[in-house]
Protein backbone atom coordinates (compact mmCIF):
# COMPACT_ATOMS: atom_id res chain seq x y z
CA UNK A 1 117.43 118.82 115.05
CA UNK A 2 115.55 116.05 113.27
CA UNK A 3 115.89 112.47 114.50
CA UNK A 4 117.56 109.91 112.24
CA UNK A 5 114.38 107.82 112.46
CA UNK A 6 110.89 109.28 112.58
CA UNK A 7 109.77 106.42 114.82
CA UNK A 8 111.79 103.84 116.71
CA UNK A 9 110.13 100.61 117.88
CA UNK A 10 111.84 98.61 120.62
CA UNK A 11 110.77 95.00 121.25
CA UNK A 12 111.66 93.60 124.65
CA UNK A 13 113.16 90.16 124.03
CA UNK A 14 114.23 89.50 127.61
CA UNK A 15 114.63 85.84 128.57
CA UNK A 16 114.15 84.88 132.21
CA UNK A 17 114.99 81.41 133.45
CA UNK A 18 113.65 81.75 137.00
CA UNK A 19 109.99 81.04 136.21
CA UNK A 20 108.89 84.67 136.09
CA UNK A 21 107.03 85.92 133.03
CA UNK A 22 109.20 87.22 130.21
CA UNK A 23 108.64 88.65 126.77
CA UNK A 24 110.82 86.10 124.96
CA UNK A 25 108.71 83.16 126.14
CA UNK A 26 105.69 84.94 124.63
CA UNK A 27 107.25 84.92 121.15
CA UNK A 28 108.86 88.36 121.18
CA UNK A 29 111.76 87.55 118.84
CA UNK A 30 109.51 85.96 116.23
CA UNK A 31 107.07 88.85 116.32
CA UNK A 32 109.92 91.38 116.19
CA UNK A 33 111.20 89.64 113.06
CA UNK A 34 107.69 89.71 111.62
CA UNK A 35 107.34 93.45 112.38
CA UNK A 36 110.74 94.23 110.86
CA UNK A 37 109.90 92.33 107.65
CA UNK A 38 106.44 93.91 107.47
CA UNK A 39 107.83 97.44 107.91
CA UNK A 40 110.39 96.75 105.17
CA UNK A 41 107.78 95.28 102.79
CA UNK A 42 105.62 98.39 103.24
CA UNK A 43 108.57 100.65 102.35
CA UNK A 44 108.56 102.21 105.82
CA UNK A 45 112.11 101.32 106.91
CA UNK A 46 115.24 103.41 106.71
CA UNK A 47 116.48 106.92 107.42
CA UNK A 48 113.68 109.32 108.26
CA UNK A 49 111.22 106.46 108.59
CA UNK A 50 110.72 103.57 111.02
CA UNK A 51 113.33 101.41 112.76
CA UNK A 52 112.49 98.15 114.56
CA UNK A 53 115.03 97.06 117.19
CA UNK A 54 115.56 94.37 119.76
CA UNK A 55 115.86 95.64 123.30
CA UNK A 56 117.11 93.92 126.38
CA UNK A 57 114.85 93.95 129.39
CA UNK A 58 112.52 96.95 129.42
CA UNK A 59 111.39 95.98 132.95
CA UNK A 60 107.76 95.54 131.88
CA UNK A 61 107.69 91.76 131.32
CA UNK A 62 104.81 91.38 133.77
CA UNK A 63 102.65 93.24 131.26
CA UNK A 64 104.30 91.67 128.26
CA UNK A 65 105.23 90.98 125.75
CA UNK A 66 105.86 94.68 125.32
CA UNK A 67 107.11 97.21 122.81
CA UNK A 68 107.76 100.90 123.20
CA UNK A 69 107.53 103.38 120.33
CA UNK A 70 109.60 106.56 120.38
CA UNK A 71 109.58 109.52 120.18
CA UNK A 72 106.10 109.35 121.76
CA UNK A 73 107.16 106.82 124.42
CA UNK A 74 104.02 104.79 123.73
CA UNK A 75 103.95 101.38 125.44
CA UNK A 76 102.01 98.46 123.98
CA UNK A 77 101.42 94.86 124.88
CA UNK A 78 100.62 92.47 122.04
CA UNK A 79 99.76 88.81 121.53
CA UNK A 80 100.03 88.00 117.83
CA UNK A 81 100.68 89.18 114.27
CA UNK A 82 97.24 90.81 114.08
CA UNK A 83 98.17 93.05 117.03
CA UNK A 84 101.49 93.95 115.38
CA UNK A 85 99.68 94.70 112.11
CA UNK A 86 97.29 96.98 113.96
CA UNK A 87 100.15 98.86 115.65
CA UNK A 88 101.89 99.27 112.29
CA UNK A 89 98.74 100.40 110.47
CA UNK A 90 97.29 102.67 113.12
CA UNK A 91 100.26 103.97 115.15
CA UNK A 92 103.20 103.92 112.74
CA UNK A 93 101.31 104.86 109.57
CA UNK A 94 98.29 106.88 110.76
CA UNK A 95 99.75 108.25 114.03
CA UNK A 96 96.81 106.92 116.04
CA UNK A 97 97.11 105.35 119.48
CA UNK A 98 95.92 101.72 119.61
CA UNK A 99 94.05 102.09 122.89
CA UNK A 100 93.18 98.42 123.38
CA UNK A 101 96.89 97.44 123.39
CA UNK A 102 98.14 100.42 125.40
CA UNK A 103 99.82 99.91 128.77
CA UNK A 104 100.57 102.61 131.31
CA UNK A 105 103.88 104.45 131.18
């Protein structure tokens, strides 16, 4: 059976208020919105293509901000739009792992 989406990108947008590191304080929502708009502008969104979603806590905030790409279950940490662009270009379009942004499963 084929998946509805070829690739599914989940952005952790967890907000912690106890002083511990969290993805939201590192700009996760803004960069998720950027990724979603970029995917759409490239014509990569929709059925059989790429879906960008918000996720609650992915329990990796200490390494964050983080995203996970399925079906490969590839975990990345990122800092800015350039990192997101590289993940889109290399991983989502060319099916290459972006080693410098990779975090352990």
